[in-house]
Amino acid sequence: MRVLAVDLGAKRIGTAVSDALGISVRPVETIRRSNGARDFARLKSLVEDLEVEAVVVGLPLRMDGTAGDAARSATEFAERLQAELSVPVSMQDERLTSYEAEQIMIERGWSRDERRARSDEFAAMIILQDYLSATRTNA
C-alpha cells in the first residue's frame, strides 16, 4: 500500500512517499506553507498524482508523551485534511524525527543550506518509516 507522509511545520510541509509494497520510502517535496486552502489543494494533488492509498501526519508529542499546542494543531490539520481526501488519514508520533533527519544529513556531508532545504522531507521519511514499521508489527 502506497502511503504519503506529512511533516507539518510552521513554515513548511515536508512530504515523503512509500513504494506500493510499503518497503522503501523516498522524499517527495517541501511545500512552503501559504494559506490552508492552497496547502490542502497541493496535498490532495500529491495524493492523486502519486496514487497513495493512505496519508500519515506526524504528531509532535512532547517528550513525556503529552499533547501540547503543536500536537493539537497537527491533529486539527489532519482532521481538515481527512475532510478533503478520499483516503484514510492517520497520525504517527514524530518525537525526535527532526533531530534524526538532521543527523542523517550531517552524516552524508550536506551543507547547512542543503539540510535546511530538505530537513522537512527527511523528517517525513522517518515518520513514514516508523508508521510502516508499526503497521507491519501490528499486522
Protein backbone atom coordinates (compact mmCIF):
# COMPACT_ATOMS: atom_id res chain seq x y z
CA MET A 1 0.00 0.00 0.00
CA ARG A 2 1.47 3.35 -1.06
CA VAL A 3 1.43 5.88 1.81
CA LEU A 4 2.17 9.62 1.84
CA ALA A 5 3.74 11.08 4.99
CA VAL A 6 3.35 14.70 6.03
CA ASP A 7 5.71 16.54 8.39
CA LEU A 8 3.82 19.68 9.35
CA GLY A 9 5.88 22.71 10.28
CA ALA A 10 5.03 26.35 10.89
CA LYS A 11 6.63 27.45 7.60
CA ARG A 12 6.97 24.26 5.55
CA ILE A 13 5.33 20.89 4.99
CA GLY A 14 7.68 18.01 4.25
CA THR A 15 6.36 15.05 2.28
CA ALA A 16 7.58 11.53 1.59
CA VAL A 17 6.02 8.50 -0.08
CA SER A 18 6.44 4.75 0.16
CA ASP A 19 6.54 2.29 -2.68
CA ALA A 20 3.42 0.22 -3.39
CA LEU A 21 4.65 -2.62 -1.16
CA GLY A 22 5.36 -0.30 1.77
CA ILE A 23 9.02 -1.34 1.87
CA SER A 24 11.01 1.70 0.74
CA VAL A 25 10.42 5.40 1.22
CA ARG A 26 11.62 8.47 -0.64
CA PRO A 27 11.27 12.22 -0.20
CA VAL A 28 8.75 13.97 -2.45
CA GLU A 29 8.89 17.72 -1.88
CA THR A 30 8.82 20.50 0.65
CA ILE A 31 5.74 22.70 0.39
CA ARG A 32 6.14 26.27 1.56
CA ARG A 33 3.06 26.93 3.67
CA SER A 34 0.74 29.65 2.46
CA ASN A 35 -2.97 29.64 3.12
CA GLY A 36 -4.73 26.48 4.25
CA ALA A 37 -6.72 26.04 1.04
CA ARG A 38 -3.60 26.08 -1.15
CA ASP A 39 -1.74 23.72 1.19
CA PHE A 40 -4.63 21.22 1.20
CA ALA A 41 -5.01 21.51 -2.59
CA ARG A 42 -1.30 20.66 -3.08
CA LEU A 43 -1.52 17.68 -0.74
CA LYS A 44 -4.68 16.47 -2.47
CA SER A 45 -2.87 16.75 -5.80
CA LEU A 46 0.06 14.70 -4.46
CA VAL A 47 -2.33 12.02 -3.19
CA GLU A 48 -3.88 11.75 -6.65
CA ASP A 49 -0.64 12.04 -8.66
CA LEU A 50 1.24 9.51 -6.53
CA GLU A 51 -1.80 7.21 -6.26
CA VAL A 52 -1.46 6.86 -2.50
CA GLU A 53 -3.93 4.81 -0.51
CA ALA A 54 -3.33 6.43 2.88
CA VAL A 55 -1.78 9.53 4.45
CA VAL A 56 0.07 9.74 7.75
CA VAL A 57 0.61 13.06 9.51
CA GLY A 58 3.34 13.49 12.11
CA LEU A 59 2.09 14.05 15.65
CA PRO A 60 4.57 16.23 17.58
CA LEU A 61 4.04 14.97 21.13
CA ARG A 62 6.13 16.33 24.00
CA MET A 63 8.96 14.13 25.22
CA ASP A 64 6.75 12.94 28.11
CA GLY A 65 4.09 11.81 25.60
CA THR A 66 1.57 14.54 26.32
CA ALA A 67 -0.03 16.71 23.64
CA GLY A 68 0.82 20.40 23.55
CA ASP A 69 -0.21 23.18 21.18
CA ALA A 70 1.79 21.74 18.26
CA ALA A 71 0.12 18.34 18.64
CA ARG A 72 -3.33 19.92 18.79
CA SER A 73 -2.56 21.94 15.64
CA ALA A 74 -1.36 18.82 13.85
CA THR A 75 -4.49 16.93 14.89
CA GLU A 76 -6.73 19.74 13.61
CA PHE A 77 -4.73 19.79 10.36
CA ALA A 78 -5.14 16.01 9.97
CA GLU A 79 -8.89 16.27 10.58
CA ARG A 80 -9.24 19.01 7.96
CA LEU A 81 -7.08 17.01 5.54
CA GLN A 82 -9.27 13.94 6.08
CA ALA A 83 -12.30 16.01 5.06
CA GLU A 84 -10.51 16.89 1.79
CA LEU A 85 -9.32 13.39 0.87
CA SER A 86 -10.93 10.11 -0.09
CA VAL A 87 -8.15 8.06 1.57
CA PRO A 88 -7.70 7.47 5.31
CA VAL A 89 -5.54 9.90 7.29
CA SER A 90 -3.66 8.60 10.35
CA MET A 91 -1.23 10.15 12.79
CA GLN A 92 2.20 8.93 13.86
CA ASP A 93 4.29 10.03 16.84
CA GLU A 94 7.14 12.11 15.43
CA ARG A 95 9.24 12.76 18.53
CA LEU A 96 12.91 13.27 17.59
CA THR A 97 12.35 12.86 13.82
CA SER A 98 13.74 16.32 13.03
CA TYR A 99 16.85 15.56 15.09
CA GLU A 100 17.25 12.16 13.43
CA ALA A 101 16.81 13.72 9.96
CA GLU A 102 19.46 16.34 10.76
CA GLN A 103 21.91 13.65 11.88
CA ILE A 104 21.40 11.62 8.68
CA MET A 105 22.07 14.67 6.51
CA ILE A 106 25.17 15.63 8.53
CA GLU A 107 26.50 12.08 8.09
CA ARG A 108 26.01 12.50 4.34
CA GLY A 109 28.12 15.65 4.44
CA TRP A 110 25.36 18.03 3.42
CA SER A 111 25.86 21.76 3.90
CA ARG A 112 23.72 23.76 6.31
CA ASP A 113 21.72 25.22 3.38
CA GLU A 114 21.10 21.76 1.89
CA ARG A 115 19.99 20.46 5.29
CA ARG A 116 17.67 23.42 5.84
CA ALA A 117 16.08 22.97 2.41
CA ARG A 118 15.49 19.22 2.78
CA SER A 119 15.06 18.62 6.52
CA ASP A 120 11.25 18.51 6.36
CA GLU A 121 11.30 15.87 3.62
CA PHE A 122 13.74 13.74 5.60
CA ALA A 123 11.63 14.09 8.76
CA ALA A 124 8.61 12.95 6.70
CA MET A 125 10.61 9.92 5.55
CA ILE A 126 11.37 8.97 9.15
CA ILE A 127 7.71 9.44 10.16
CA LEU A 128 6.76 7.16 7.26
CA GLN A 129 9.35 4.52 8.14
CA ASP A 130 8.11 4.50 11.75
CA TYR A 131 4.49 4.24 10.59
CA LEU A 132 5.23 1.39 8.18
CA SER A 133 7.20 -0.48 10.87
CA ALA A 134 4.34 -0.08 13.34
CA THR A 135 1.71 -1.27 10.85
CA ARG A 136 3.81 -4.31 9.88
CA THR A 137 4.24 -5.17 13.56
CA ASN A 138 0.51 -4.87 14.20
CA ALA A 139 -0.49 -6.84 11.09
